[in-house]
Amino acid sequence: MELAAYLEDWIRAARLIGATKALSAQTGNRRDELHDDRVREALGADAFMQAEAEGMAVPYEAMLSEVRAWLESRA
């Protein structure tokens, strides 16, 4: 998520925030919210909430595949 925020890929960053929130809820692990406000500000509240919700709905393995494809496309 930090890389997506750094690259200003705001929708992807918000989707990854949603995915990490879902994973944290399942595992009980605490997540770092360092960039959440920055991404929310860049997208606006409505777009952020929509992208975050989309990320929360994607199964873990599917999100990993999505991220791998994104990283490979940037190489």
N, C-alpha and C. Protein backbone atom coordinates (compact mmCIF):
# COMPACT_ATOMS: atom_id res chain seq x y z
N MET A 1 0.83 -1.17 0.00
CA MET A 1 0.00 0.00 0.00
C MET A 1 0.88 1.24 0.00
N GLU A 2 1.96 1.24 0.76
CA GLU A 2 2.83 2.41 0.81
C GLU A 2 3.40 2.72 -0.57
N LEU A 3 3.77 1.68 -1.33
CA LEU A 3 4.32 1.91 -2.66
C LEU A 3 3.27 2.55 -3.57
N ALA A 4 2.06 2.07 -3.52
CA ALA A 4 1.00 2.65 -4.34
C ALA A 4 0.77 4.11 -3.95
N ALA A 5 0.78 4.42 -2.66
CA ALA A 5 0.62 5.81 -2.22
C ALA A 5 1.80 6.66 -2.68
N TYR A 6 3.00 6.13 -2.55
CA TYR A 6 4.20 6.85 -2.97
C TYR A 6 4.13 7.18 -4.46
N LEU A 7 3.62 6.23 -5.25
CA LEU A 7 3.50 6.42 -6.69
C LEU A 7 2.23 7.18 -7.08
N GLU A 8 1.48 7.59 -6.09
CA GLU A 8 0.23 8.33 -6.26
C GLU A 8 -0.80 7.55 -7.09
N ASP A 9 -0.78 6.25 -6.93
CA ASP A 9 -1.79 5.37 -7.52
C ASP A 9 -2.88 5.24 -6.45
N TRP A 10 -3.67 6.29 -6.33
CA TRP A 10 -4.57 6.46 -5.18
C TRP A 10 -5.64 5.40 -5.09
N ILE A 11 -6.25 5.04 -6.21
CA ILE A 11 -7.30 4.01 -6.17
C ILE A 11 -6.71 2.69 -5.69
N ARG A 12 -5.56 2.31 -6.24
CA ARG A 12 -4.92 1.07 -5.82
C ARG A 12 -4.57 1.14 -4.34
N ALA A 13 -4.06 2.27 -3.91
CA ALA A 13 -3.70 2.42 -2.49
C ALA A 13 -4.93 2.24 -1.61
N ALA A 14 -6.05 2.83 -2.00
CA ALA A 14 -7.28 2.70 -1.20
C ALA A 14 -7.79 1.26 -1.21
N ARG A 15 -7.70 0.59 -2.36
CA ARG A 15 -8.11 -0.82 -2.42
C ARG A 15 -7.23 -1.66 -1.49
N LEU A 16 -5.95 -1.37 -1.47
CA LEU A 16 -5.04 -2.12 -0.59
C LEU A 16 -5.29 -1.80 0.88
N ILE A 17 -5.68 -0.58 1.17
CA ILE A 17 -6.06 -0.25 2.55
C ILE A 17 -7.25 -1.12 2.95
N GLY A 18 -8.23 -1.21 2.07
CA GLY A 18 -9.39 -2.06 2.36
C GLY A 18 -8.99 -3.51 2.55
N ALA A 19 -8.11 -4.00 1.69
CA ALA A 19 -7.66 -5.39 1.81
C ALA A 19 -6.92 -5.63 3.11
N THR A 20 -6.08 -4.69 3.51
CA THR A 20 -5.35 -4.87 4.76
C THR A 20 -6.27 -4.76 5.97
N LYS A 21 -7.30 -3.93 5.86
CA LYS A 21 -8.27 -3.85 6.96
C LYS A 21 -9.01 -5.18 7.10
N ALA A 22 -9.41 -5.76 5.98
CA ALA A 22 -10.11 -7.05 6.02
C ALA A 22 -9.21 -8.12 6.60
N LEU A 23 -7.96 -8.17 6.17
CA LEU A 23 -7.02 -9.16 6.69
C LEU A 23 -6.77 -8.95 8.18
N SER A 24 -6.64 -7.71 8.60
CA SER A 24 -6.43 -7.42 10.02
C SER A 24 -7.62 -7.88 10.86
N ALA A 25 -8.81 -7.69 10.32
CA ALA A 25 -10.01 -8.12 11.04
C ALA A 25 -10.03 -9.65 11.19
N GLN A 26 -9.55 -10.35 10.17
CA GLN A 26 -9.53 -11.82 10.21
C GLN A 26 -8.46 -12.35 11.15
N THR A 27 -7.31 -11.71 11.16
CA THR A 27 -6.16 -12.23 11.91
C THR A 27 -6.01 -11.62 13.30
N GLY A 28 -6.62 -10.46 13.50
CA GLY A 28 -6.45 -9.77 14.77
C GLY A 28 -5.16 -8.97 14.85
N ASN A 29 -4.40 -8.96 13.75
CA ASN A 29 -3.16 -8.18 13.73
C ASN A 29 -3.47 -6.71 13.53
N ARG A 30 -2.70 -5.89 14.17
CA ARG A 30 -2.84 -4.44 14.05
C ARG A 30 -2.19 -3.98 12.75
N ARG A 31 -2.83 -3.05 12.05
CA ARG A 31 -2.26 -2.53 10.80
C ARG A 31 -1.81 -1.10 10.98
N ASP A 32 -0.83 -0.71 10.19
CA ASP A 32 -0.30 0.64 10.20
C ASP A 32 -1.21 1.53 9.35
N GLU A 33 -1.71 2.59 9.92
CA GLU A 33 -2.61 3.50 9.22
C GLU A 33 -1.89 4.76 8.75
N LEU A 34 -0.59 4.67 8.59
CA LEU A 34 0.25 5.82 8.30
C LEU A 34 -0.22 6.64 7.10
N HIS A 35 -0.61 5.99 6.01
CA HIS A 35 -0.94 6.72 4.78
C HIS A 35 -2.45 6.84 4.52
N ASP A 36 -3.27 6.32 5.39
CA ASP A 36 -4.71 6.33 5.15
C ASP A 36 -5.25 7.74 4.89
N ASP A 37 -4.88 8.69 5.74
CA ASP A 37 -5.39 10.05 5.60
C ASP A 37 -4.91 10.70 4.31
N ARG A 38 -3.67 10.44 3.94
CA ARG A 38 -3.12 11.00 2.70
C ARG A 38 -3.89 10.49 1.48
N VAL A 39 -4.17 9.19 1.47
CA VAL A 39 -4.91 8.60 0.35
C VAL A 39 -6.34 9.13 0.34
N ARG A 40 -6.97 9.20 1.49
CA ARG A 40 -8.35 9.71 1.60
C ARG A 40 -8.41 11.15 1.08
N GLU A 41 -7.44 11.96 1.46
CA GLU A 41 -7.40 13.36 1.03
C GLU A 41 -7.20 13.45 -0.49
N ALA A 42 -6.34 12.62 -1.04
CA ALA A 42 -6.06 12.66 -2.48
C ALA A 42 -7.27 12.26 -3.29
N LEU A 43 -8.02 11.27 -2.83
CA LEU A 43 -9.17 10.76 -3.58
C LEU A 43 -10.47 11.49 -3.28
N GLY A 44 -10.59 12.01 -2.09
CA GLY A 44 -11.88 12.49 -1.62
C GLY A 44 -12.57 11.37 -0.88
N ALA A 45 -13.40 11.73 0.07
CA ALA A 45 -13.99 10.74 0.97
C ALA A 45 -14.82 9.68 0.24
N ASP A 46 -15.65 10.10 -0.71
CA ASP A 46 -16.53 9.14 -1.38
C ASP A 46 -15.75 8.13 -2.21
N ALA A 47 -14.82 8.61 -3.02
CA ALA A 47 -14.02 7.70 -3.86
C ALA A 47 -13.17 6.80 -3.00
N PHE A 48 -12.64 7.34 -1.90
CA PHE A 48 -11.84 6.53 -0.99
C PHE A 48 -12.67 5.40 -0.41
N MET A 49 -13.85 5.73 0.10
CA MET A 49 -14.71 4.71 0.72
C MET A 49 -15.12 3.64 -0.28
N GLN A 50 -15.38 4.03 -1.52
CA GLN A 50 -15.76 3.05 -2.54
C GLN A 50 -14.59 2.12 -2.85
N ALA A 51 -13.40 2.68 -3.07
CA ALA A 51 -12.23 1.85 -3.38
C ALA A 51 -11.85 0.98 -2.19
N GLU A 52 -11.94 1.53 -0.99
CA GLU A 52 -11.64 0.77 0.22
C GLU A 52 -12.59 -0.42 0.35
N ALA A 53 -13.88 -0.18 0.12
CA ALA A 53 -14.87 -1.26 0.20
C ALA A 53 -14.61 -2.33 -0.85
N GLU A 54 -14.21 -1.91 -2.06
CA GLU A 54 -13.87 -2.89 -3.09
C GLU A 54 -12.70 -3.76 -2.63
N GLY A 55 -11.69 -3.14 -2.05
CA GLY A 55 -10.53 -3.88 -1.56
C GLY A 55 -10.89 -4.85 -0.44
N MET A 56 -11.82 -4.44 0.41
CA MET A 56 -12.23 -5.31 1.50
C MET A 56 -12.98 -6.54 0.99
N ALA A 57 -13.61 -6.42 -0.17
CA ALA A 57 -14.41 -7.51 -0.71
C ALA A 57 -13.59 -8.52 -1.52
N VAL A 58 -12.37 -8.17 -1.87
CA VAL A 58 -11.55 -9.06 -2.70
C VAL A 58 -10.91 -10.12 -1.80
N PRO A 59 -11.06 -11.40 -2.14
CA PRO A 59 -10.41 -12.45 -1.35
C PRO A 59 -8.89 -12.25 -1.33
N TYR A 60 -8.28 -12.69 -0.25
CA TYR A 60 -6.84 -12.49 -0.03
C TYR A 60 -5.99 -12.96 -1.21
N GLU A 61 -6.21 -14.19 -1.66
CA GLU A 61 -5.40 -14.74 -2.77
C GLU A 61 -5.59 -13.94 -4.05
N ALA A 62 -6.80 -13.48 -4.30
CA ALA A 62 -7.06 -12.68 -5.49
C ALA A 62 -6.35 -11.34 -5.40
N MET A 63 -6.31 -10.75 -4.22
CA MET A 63 -5.61 -9.48 -4.05
C MET A 63 -4.11 -9.68 -4.24
N LEU A 64 -3.58 -10.78 -3.74
CA LEU A 64 -2.16 -11.06 -3.97
C LEU A 64 -1.86 -11.15 -5.46
N SER A 65 -2.70 -11.82 -6.20
CA SER A 65 -2.52 -11.94 -7.65
C SER A 65 -2.60 -10.57 -8.32
N GLU A 66 -3.54 -9.76 -7.87
CA GLU A 66 -3.69 -8.41 -8.42
C GLU A 66 -2.43 -7.58 -8.16
N VAL A 67 -1.92 -7.66 -6.96
CA VAL A 67 -0.72 -6.89 -6.61
C VAL A 67 0.49 -7.39 -7.39
N ARG A 68 0.63 -8.70 -7.51
CA ARG A 68 1.75 -9.25 -8.28
C ARG A 68 1.70 -8.75 -9.73
N ALA A 69 0.55 -8.80 -10.34
CA ALA A 69 0.39 -8.34 -11.72
C ALA A 69 0.74 -6.86 -11.83
N TRP A 70 0.30 -6.07 -10.86
CA TRP A 70 0.59 -4.63 -10.86
C TRP A 70 2.09 -4.40 -10.75
N LEU A 71 2.74 -5.10 -9.84
CA LEU A 71 4.19 -4.94 -9.68
C LEU A 71 4.94 -5.35 -10.94
N GLU A 72 4.53 -6.47 -11.53
CA GLU A 72 5.18 -6.93 -12.75
C GLU A 72 4.98 -5.95 -13.90
N SER A 73 3.85 -5.29 -13.95
CA SER A 73 3.59 -4.33 -15.02
C SER A 73 4.44 -3.07 -14.88
N ARG A 74 4.94 -2.83 -13.68
CA ARG A 74 5.75 -1.66 -13.42
C ARG A 74 7.24 -1.94 -13.60
N ALA A 75 7.60 -3.22 -13.78
CA ALA A 75 9.02 -3.59 -13.89
C ALA A 75 9.59 -3.24 -15.25
